[in-house]
Amino acid sequence: MLPTGLSIIHTRSIKYRDEIIQLWKECLPDAPESRFDWLAEGNPEGPAEWFLAIDENNGNVVGTGSLMPKELFYNGQRIKGGIVGDLMVSPTIRKHCVKARFLHGREINSVPVPTIVWLFVSGLPGLVGLAKRK
């Protein structure tokens, strides 16, 4: 189950370029902006597919993962697959999820499942779909 107020979207659009780059600056401060441009338009295998966690309260991108198309070989056959990368969640959301459990009086026996796991899991059907398209 996703934390309250978050939704996951799947897109190939560059509509969220600035928001993704801002999240990278929080989580990967050394990642150049040109990385996004390569993922969106420069990869010879095709544009990346994005899985974004959106905070429904303010519309901000608070988590991201990408599926970069890649030609792979399986059992001697070429298949269209992908590489999952750029998995990150805003530090604010990571802290909020733990804080929310304390505020609601719940005991925390283990670290909560991070939102990024949901991003990854939601990306798996896309990975399978890419492989089947070939």
N, C-alpha and C. Protein backbone atom coordinates (compact mmCIF):
# COMPACT_ATOMS: atom_id res chain seq x y z
N MET A 1 0.84 -1.17 0.00
CA MET A 1 0.00 0.00 0.00
C MET A 1 0.89 1.25 0.00
N LEU A 2 0.55 2.22 -0.82
CA LEU A 2 1.28 3.48 -0.87
C LEU A 2 0.91 4.35 0.32
N PRO A 3 1.87 5.16 0.80
CA PRO A 3 1.50 6.12 1.84
C PRO A 3 0.38 7.03 1.35
N THR A 4 -0.47 7.47 2.25
CA THR A 4 -1.58 8.34 1.89
C THR A 4 -1.10 9.58 1.17
N GLY A 5 -1.81 9.95 0.10
CA GLY A 5 -1.49 11.18 -0.60
C GLY A 5 -0.46 11.05 -1.70
N LEU A 6 -0.06 9.82 -2.04
CA LEU A 6 0.88 9.62 -3.14
C LEU A 6 0.21 8.83 -4.25
N SER A 7 0.52 9.20 -5.47
CA SER A 7 0.06 8.41 -6.60
C SER A 7 1.25 8.15 -7.51
N ILE A 8 1.16 7.09 -8.27
CA ILE A 8 2.22 6.71 -9.20
C ILE A 8 1.71 6.95 -10.61
N ILE A 9 2.54 7.61 -11.41
CA ILE A 9 2.19 7.79 -12.82
C ILE A 9 3.30 7.22 -13.68
N HIS A 10 2.95 6.82 -14.86
CA HIS A 10 3.88 6.28 -15.85
C HIS A 10 3.84 7.21 -17.05
N THR A 11 5.01 7.67 -17.50
CA THR A 11 5.03 8.61 -18.61
C THR A 11 6.32 8.48 -19.40
N ARG A 12 6.25 8.87 -20.65
CA ARG A 12 7.44 9.04 -21.49
C ARG A 12 7.66 10.53 -21.75
N SER A 13 6.75 11.33 -21.27
CA SER A 13 6.74 12.76 -21.53
C SER A 13 7.87 13.47 -20.81
N ILE A 14 8.35 14.56 -21.40
CA ILE A 14 9.34 15.39 -20.72
C ILE A 14 8.66 16.49 -19.89
N LYS A 15 7.36 16.36 -19.74
CA LYS A 15 6.58 17.34 -18.98
C LYS A 15 7.14 17.56 -17.58
N TYR A 16 7.67 16.52 -16.97
CA TYR A 16 8.15 16.59 -15.58
C TYR A 16 9.66 16.80 -15.50
N ARG A 17 10.29 17.23 -16.58
CA ARG A 17 11.74 17.38 -16.63
C ARG A 17 12.28 18.18 -15.44
N ASP A 18 11.77 19.38 -15.23
CA ASP A 18 12.29 20.25 -14.17
C ASP A 18 12.11 19.63 -12.79
N GLU A 19 10.97 18.97 -12.56
CA GLU A 19 10.71 18.35 -11.26
C GLU A 19 11.64 17.17 -11.02
N ILE A 20 11.89 16.37 -12.07
CA ILE A 20 12.80 15.23 -11.92
C ILE A 20 14.21 15.73 -11.63
N ILE A 21 14.65 16.74 -12.35
CA ILE A 21 15.99 17.29 -12.14
C ILE A 21 16.11 17.87 -10.73
N GLN A 22 15.06 18.51 -10.24
CA GLN A 22 15.09 19.03 -8.86
C GLN A 22 15.24 17.89 -7.86
N LEU A 23 14.53 16.79 -8.08
CA LEU A 23 14.65 15.63 -7.19
C LEU A 23 16.06 15.06 -7.25
N TRP A 24 16.63 15.00 -8.47
CA TRP A 24 18.02 14.54 -8.60
C TRP A 24 18.95 15.42 -7.79
N LYS A 25 18.73 16.73 -7.81
CA LYS A 25 19.59 17.64 -7.05
C LYS A 25 19.53 17.35 -5.56
N GLU A 26 18.36 16.90 -5.08
CA GLU A 26 18.22 16.53 -3.67
C GLU A 26 18.93 15.22 -3.36
N CYS A 27 18.79 14.25 -4.27
CA CYS A 27 19.26 12.89 -4.00
C CYS A 27 20.59 12.55 -4.67
N LEU A 28 20.86 13.11 -5.82
CA LEU A 28 22.10 12.86 -6.59
C LEU A 28 22.68 14.20 -7.04
N PRO A 29 23.24 14.95 -6.13
CA PRO A 29 23.65 16.31 -6.48
C PRO A 29 24.68 16.41 -7.61
N ASP A 30 25.40 15.34 -7.91
CA ASP A 30 26.41 15.39 -8.97
C ASP A 30 25.86 14.99 -10.34
N ALA A 31 24.59 14.60 -10.42
CA ALA A 31 24.01 14.19 -11.71
C ALA A 31 23.78 15.43 -12.57
N PRO A 32 24.37 15.47 -13.76
CA PRO A 32 24.17 16.64 -14.63
C PRO A 32 22.78 16.64 -15.27
N GLU A 33 22.27 17.83 -15.55
CA GLU A 33 20.96 17.95 -16.20
C GLU A 33 20.96 17.27 -17.56
N SER A 34 22.12 17.23 -18.20
CA SER A 34 22.21 16.61 -19.53
C SER A 34 21.87 15.12 -19.48
N ARG A 35 21.96 14.50 -18.31
CA ARG A 35 21.59 13.08 -18.17
C ARG A 35 20.11 12.90 -18.52
N PHE A 36 19.29 13.81 -18.03
CA PHE A 36 17.86 13.71 -18.34
C PHE A 36 17.64 13.79 -19.86
N ASP A 37 18.31 14.74 -20.49
CA ASP A 37 18.14 14.92 -21.93
C ASP A 37 18.55 13.67 -22.70
N TRP A 38 19.63 13.02 -22.24
CA TRP A 38 20.06 11.79 -22.90
C TRP A 38 19.01 10.69 -22.69
N LEU A 39 18.51 10.56 -21.47
CA LEU A 39 17.51 9.54 -21.19
C LEU A 39 16.23 9.78 -21.99
N ALA A 40 15.84 11.04 -22.14
CA ALA A 40 14.59 11.37 -22.82
C ALA A 40 14.70 11.37 -24.33
N GLU A 41 15.87 11.74 -24.86
CA GLU A 41 15.97 11.93 -26.31
C GLU A 41 17.25 11.40 -26.94
N GLY A 42 18.29 11.13 -26.15
CA GLY A 42 19.58 10.79 -26.73
C GLY A 42 19.92 9.32 -26.79
N ASN A 43 19.22 8.49 -26.04
CA ASN A 43 19.52 7.06 -26.01
C ASN A 43 19.18 6.45 -27.37
N PRO A 44 20.15 5.84 -28.06
CA PRO A 44 19.85 5.25 -29.37
C PRO A 44 18.83 4.12 -29.32
N GLU A 45 18.60 3.55 -28.15
CA GLU A 45 17.62 2.47 -28.00
C GLU A 45 16.19 3.01 -27.85
N GLY A 46 16.06 4.30 -27.59
CA GLY A 46 14.74 4.91 -27.43
C GLY A 46 14.64 5.67 -26.12
N PRO A 47 13.55 6.43 -25.96
CA PRO A 47 13.39 7.25 -24.75
C PRO A 47 13.07 6.40 -23.52
N ALA A 48 13.52 6.88 -22.38
CA ALA A 48 13.21 6.22 -21.11
C ALA A 48 11.73 6.35 -20.79
N GLU A 49 11.25 5.40 -20.04
CA GLU A 49 9.90 5.48 -19.48
C GLU A 49 10.08 5.83 -18.01
N TRP A 50 9.26 6.74 -17.52
CA TRP A 50 9.38 7.23 -16.16
C TRP A 50 8.22 6.75 -15.31
N PHE A 51 8.55 6.40 -14.08
CA PHE A 51 7.56 6.07 -13.08
C PHE A 51 7.78 7.07 -11.96
N LEU A 52 6.78 7.90 -11.72
CA LEU A 52 6.93 9.01 -10.78
C LEU A 52 5.95 8.88 -9.63
N ALA A 53 6.44 9.14 -8.44
CA ALA A 53 5.56 9.25 -7.27
C ALA A 53 5.23 10.73 -7.12
N ILE A 54 3.94 11.03 -7.14
CA ILE A 54 3.47 12.40 -7.07
C ILE A 54 2.77 12.62 -5.73
N ASP A 55 3.17 13.68 -5.03
CA ASP A 55 2.49 14.07 -3.80
C ASP A 55 1.18 14.74 -4.20
N GLU A 56 0.06 14.11 -3.89
CA GLU A 56 -1.25 14.62 -4.31
C GLU A 56 -1.62 15.93 -3.61
N ASN A 57 -0.96 16.24 -2.51
CA ASN A 57 -1.27 17.47 -1.79
C ASN A 57 -0.74 18.71 -2.50
N ASN A 58 0.39 18.58 -3.22
CA ASN A 58 0.98 19.76 -3.86
C ASN A 58 1.42 19.53 -5.31
N GLY A 59 1.27 18.30 -5.80
CA GLY A 59 1.64 18.00 -7.19
C GLY A 59 3.12 17.80 -7.42
N ASN A 60 3.93 17.80 -6.36
CA ASN A 60 5.37 17.65 -6.51
C ASN A 60 5.77 16.21 -6.82
N VAL A 61 6.81 16.06 -7.61
CA VAL A 61 7.42 14.75 -7.85
C VAL A 61 8.28 14.45 -6.63
N VAL A 62 7.96 13.36 -5.93
CA VAL A 62 8.69 13.02 -4.70
C VAL A 62 9.41 11.67 -4.80
N GLY A 63 9.27 11.02 -5.93
CA GLY A 63 9.98 9.76 -6.16
C GLY A 63 10.05 9.51 -7.65
N THR A 64 11.10 8.81 -8.06
CA THR A 64 11.26 8.54 -9.48
C THR A 64 11.99 7.23 -9.71
N GLY A 65 11.72 6.68 -10.84
CA GLY A 65 12.45 5.54 -11.35
C GLY A 65 12.33 5.59 -12.86
N SER A 66 13.32 5.07 -13.54
CA SER A 66 13.24 5.09 -15.00
C SER A 66 13.51 3.70 -15.54
N LEU A 67 12.94 3.44 -16.68
CA LEU A 67 13.16 2.20 -17.41
C LEU A 67 13.77 2.61 -18.75
N MET A 68 15.05 2.31 -18.90
CA MET A 68 15.77 2.70 -20.11
C MET A 68 15.76 1.53 -21.08
N PRO A 69 15.23 1.72 -22.30
CA PRO A 69 15.18 0.63 -23.25
C PRO A 69 16.59 0.14 -23.60
N LYS A 70 16.71 -1.15 -23.80
CA LYS A 70 18.00 -1.75 -24.13
C LYS A 70 17.76 -3.04 -24.87
N GLU A 71 18.50 -3.25 -25.93
CA GLU A 71 18.44 -4.53 -26.63
C GLU A 71 19.27 -5.53 -25.84
N LEU A 72 18.66 -6.64 -25.51
CA LEU A 72 19.31 -7.69 -24.72
C LEU A 72 19.31 -9.00 -25.50
N PHE A 73 20.10 -9.93 -25.03
CA PHE A 73 20.13 -11.26 -25.62
C PHE A 73 19.71 -12.26 -24.57
N TYR A 74 18.76 -13.11 -24.96
CA TYR A 74 18.25 -14.15 -24.06
C TYR A 74 18.15 -15.44 -24.85
N ASN A 75 18.83 -16.47 -24.38
CA ASN A 75 18.85 -17.76 -25.09
C ASN A 75 19.24 -17.58 -26.56
N GLY A 76 20.21 -16.71 -26.80
CA GLY A 76 20.70 -16.50 -28.15
C GLY A 76 19.80 -15.65 -29.03
N GLN A 77 18.72 -15.13 -28.49
CA GLN A 77 17.81 -14.29 -29.27
C GLN A 77 17.85 -12.85 -28.76
N ARG A 78 17.72 -11.92 -29.70
CA ARG A 78 17.64 -10.52 -29.32
C ARG A 78 16.23 -10.21 -28.83
N ILE A 79 16.17 -9.53 -27.73
CA ILE A 79 14.87 -9.09 -27.21
C ILE A 79 15.00 -7.64 -26.80
N LYS A 80 13.89 -6.95 -26.84
CA LYS A 80 13.85 -5.58 -26.36
C LYS A 80 13.54 -5.65 -24.88
N GLY A 81 14.42 -5.09 -24.08
CA GLY A 81 14.24 -5.11 -22.64
C GLY A 81 14.48 -3.73 -22.09
N GLY A 82 14.89 -3.67 -20.87
CA GLY A 82 15.16 -2.38 -20.27
C GLY A 82 16.00 -2.51 -19.02
N ILE A 83 16.58 -1.40 -18.65
CA ILE A 83 17.38 -1.31 -17.44
C ILE A 83 16.67 -0.33 -16.50
N VAL A 84 16.40 -0.78 -15.29
CA VAL A 84 15.75 0.07 -14.31
C VAL A 84 16.83 0.89 -13.61
N GLY A 85 16.59 2.19 -13.49
CA GLY A 85 17.58 3.04 -12.84
C GLY A 85 16.95 4.28 -12.24
N ASP A 86 17.81 5.11 -11.70
CA ASP A 86 17.41 6.40 -11.13
C ASP A 86 16.30 6.25 -10.09
N LEU A 87 16.41 5.22 -9.28
CA LEU A 87 15.41 4.99 -8.24
C LEU A 87 15.73 5.87 -7.04
N MET A 88 14.85 6.79 -6.74
CA MET A 88 15.08 7.66 -5.59
C MET A 88 13.77 8.21 -5.05
N VAL A 89 13.82 8.57 -3.78
CA VAL A 89 12.67 9.15 -3.09
C VAL A 89 13.17 10.38 -2.34
N SER A 90 12.41 11.43 -2.39
CA SER A 90 12.76 12.67 -1.70
C SER A 90 13.02 12.40 -0.22
N PRO A 91 14.10 12.96 0.32
CA PRO A 91 14.37 12.78 1.76
C PRO A 91 13.19 13.24 2.63
N THR A 92 12.46 14.24 2.20
CA THR A 92 11.30 14.73 2.94
C THR A 92 10.25 13.64 3.10
N ILE A 93 9.99 12.91 2.04
CA ILE A 93 8.99 11.84 2.09
C ILE A 93 9.49 10.68 2.93
N ARG A 94 10.77 10.35 2.80
CA ARG A 94 11.31 9.25 3.61
C ARG A 94 11.14 9.57 5.09
N LYS A 95 11.44 10.79 5.50
CA LYS A 95 11.30 11.19 6.90
C LYS A 95 9.84 11.24 7.30
N HIS A 96 8.99 11.73 6.40
CA HIS A 96 7.56 11.87 6.70
C HIS A 96 6.91 10.53 6.98
N CYS A 97 7.26 9.50 6.22
CA CYS A 97 6.63 8.19 6.41
C CYS A 97 6.93 7.63 7.79
N VAL A 98 8.17 7.79 8.25
CA VAL A 98 8.53 7.33 9.59
C VAL A 98 7.86 8.21 10.64
N LYS A 99 7.90 9.51 10.44
CA LYS A 99 7.30 10.45 11.39
C LYS A 99 5.80 10.19 11.54
N ALA A 100 5.12 9.92 10.44
CA ALA A 100 3.68 9.68 10.47
C ALA A 100 3.34 8.47 11.35
N ARG A 101 4.15 7.46 11.29
CA ARG A 101 3.87 6.28 12.12
C ARG A 101 4.02 6.60 13.60
N PHE A 102 5.03 7.42 13.95
CA PHE A 102 5.18 7.82 15.34
C PHE A 102 4.01 8.69 15.79
N LEU A 103 3.59 9.62 14.94
CA LEU A 103 2.50 10.53 15.31
C LEU A 103 1.19 9.79 15.50
N HIS A 104 0.99 8.70 14.79
CA HIS A 104 -0.25 7.94 14.91
C HIS A 104 -0.15 6.85 15.97
N GLY A 105 0.95 6.86 16.73
CA GLY A 105 1.09 5.93 17.85
C GLY A 105 1.36 4.50 17.44
N ARG A 106 1.80 4.30 16.23
CA ARG A 106 2.09 2.93 15.80
C ARG A 106 3.53 2.58 16.17
N GLU A 107 3.69 1.36 16.60
CA GLU A 107 5.03 0.89 16.89
C GLU A 107 5.71 0.51 15.58
N ILE A 108 6.95 0.91 15.44
CA ILE A 108 7.71 0.56 14.24
C ILE A 108 8.68 -0.56 14.61
N ASN A 109 8.43 -1.75 14.10
CA ASN A 109 9.30 -2.88 14.36
C ASN A 109 10.38 -3.02 13.31
N SER A 110 10.16 -2.44 12.16
CA SER A 110 11.14 -2.52 11.09
C SER A 110 11.04 -1.25 10.26
N VAL A 111 11.99 -1.07 9.38
CA VAL A 111 11.97 0.10 8.51
C VAL A 111 10.81 -0.06 7.53
N PRO A 112 9.99 0.98 7.35
CA PRO A 112 8.86 0.87 6.43
C PRO A 112 9.34 0.61 5.00
N VAL A 113 8.51 -0.10 4.24
CA VAL A 113 8.85 -0.35 2.84
C VAL A 113 8.87 0.98 2.12
N PRO A 114 10.03 1.35 1.55
CA PRO A 114 10.10 2.66 0.90
C PRO A 114 9.23 2.73 -0.35
N THR A 115 8.81 3.93 -0.64
CA THR A 115 7.98 4.16 -1.82
C THR A 115 8.66 3.67 -3.08
N ILE A 116 9.97 3.74 -3.12
CA ILE A 116 10.68 3.36 -4.34
C ILE A 116 10.45 1.90 -4.70
N VAL A 117 10.19 1.06 -3.70
CA VAL A 117 9.88 -0.33 -4.02
C VAL A 117 8.62 -0.38 -4.87
N TRP A 118 7.65 0.47 -4.54
CA TRP A 118 6.42 0.51 -5.32
C TRP A 118 6.70 1.02 -6.72
N LEU A 119 7.61 1.99 -6.83
CA LEU A 119 7.99 2.46 -8.17
C LEU A 119 8.60 1.32 -8.98
N PHE A 120 9.49 0.55 -8.35
CA PHE A 120 10.13 -0.55 -9.05
C PHE A 120 9.11 -1.61 -9.45
N VAL A 121 8.27 -1.98 -8.51
CA VAL A 121 7.26 -3.01 -8.80
C VAL A 121 6.33 -2.55 -9.91
N SER A 122 5.95 -1.27 -9.90
CA SER A 122 5.06 -0.78 -10.95
C SER A 122 5.77 -0.74 -12.29
N GLY A 123 7.09 -0.72 -12.30
CA GLY A 123 7.86 -0.72 -13.54
C GLY A 123 8.03 -2.09 -14.15
N LEU A 124 7.87 -3.14 -13.35
CA LEU A 124 8.09 -4.49 -13.87
C LEU A 124 7.15 -4.84 -15.03
N PRO A 125 5.87 -4.50 -14.98
CA PRO A 125 5.02 -4.81 -16.14
C PRO A 125 5.52 -4.12 -17.41
N GLY A 126 6.05 -2.92 -17.27
CA GLY A 126 6.60 -2.23 -18.44
C GLY A 126 7.80 -2.96 -19.00
N LEU A 127 8.64 -3.49 -18.13
CA LEU A 127 9.81 -4.24 -18.56
C LEU A 127 9.38 -5.49 -19.31
N VAL A 128 8.40 -6.19 -18.78
CA VAL A 128 7.88 -7.38 -19.45
C VAL A 128 7.24 -7.00 -20.78
N GLY A 129 6.47 -5.90 -20.79
CA GLY A 129 5.83 -5.44 -22.02
C GLY A 129 6.83 -5.11 -23.09
N LEU A 130 7.93 -4.46 -22.71
CA LEU A 130 8.97 -4.14 -23.70
C LEU A 130 9.56 -5.41 -24.29
N ALA A 131 9.78 -6.40 -23.44
CA ALA A 131 10.36 -7.65 -23.92
C ALA A 131 9.41 -8.36 -24.89
N LYS A 132 8.11 -8.28 -24.63
CA LYS A 132 7.14 -8.96 -25.49
C LYS A 132 6.93 -8.25 -26.82
N ARG A 133 7.18 -6.92 -26.84
CA ARG A 133 6.99 -6.16 -28.08
C ARG A 133 7.94 -6.58 -29.19
N LYS A 134 9.09 -7.04 -28.85
CA LYS A 134 10.13 -7.38 -29.84
C LYS A 134 9.78 -8.57 -30.64
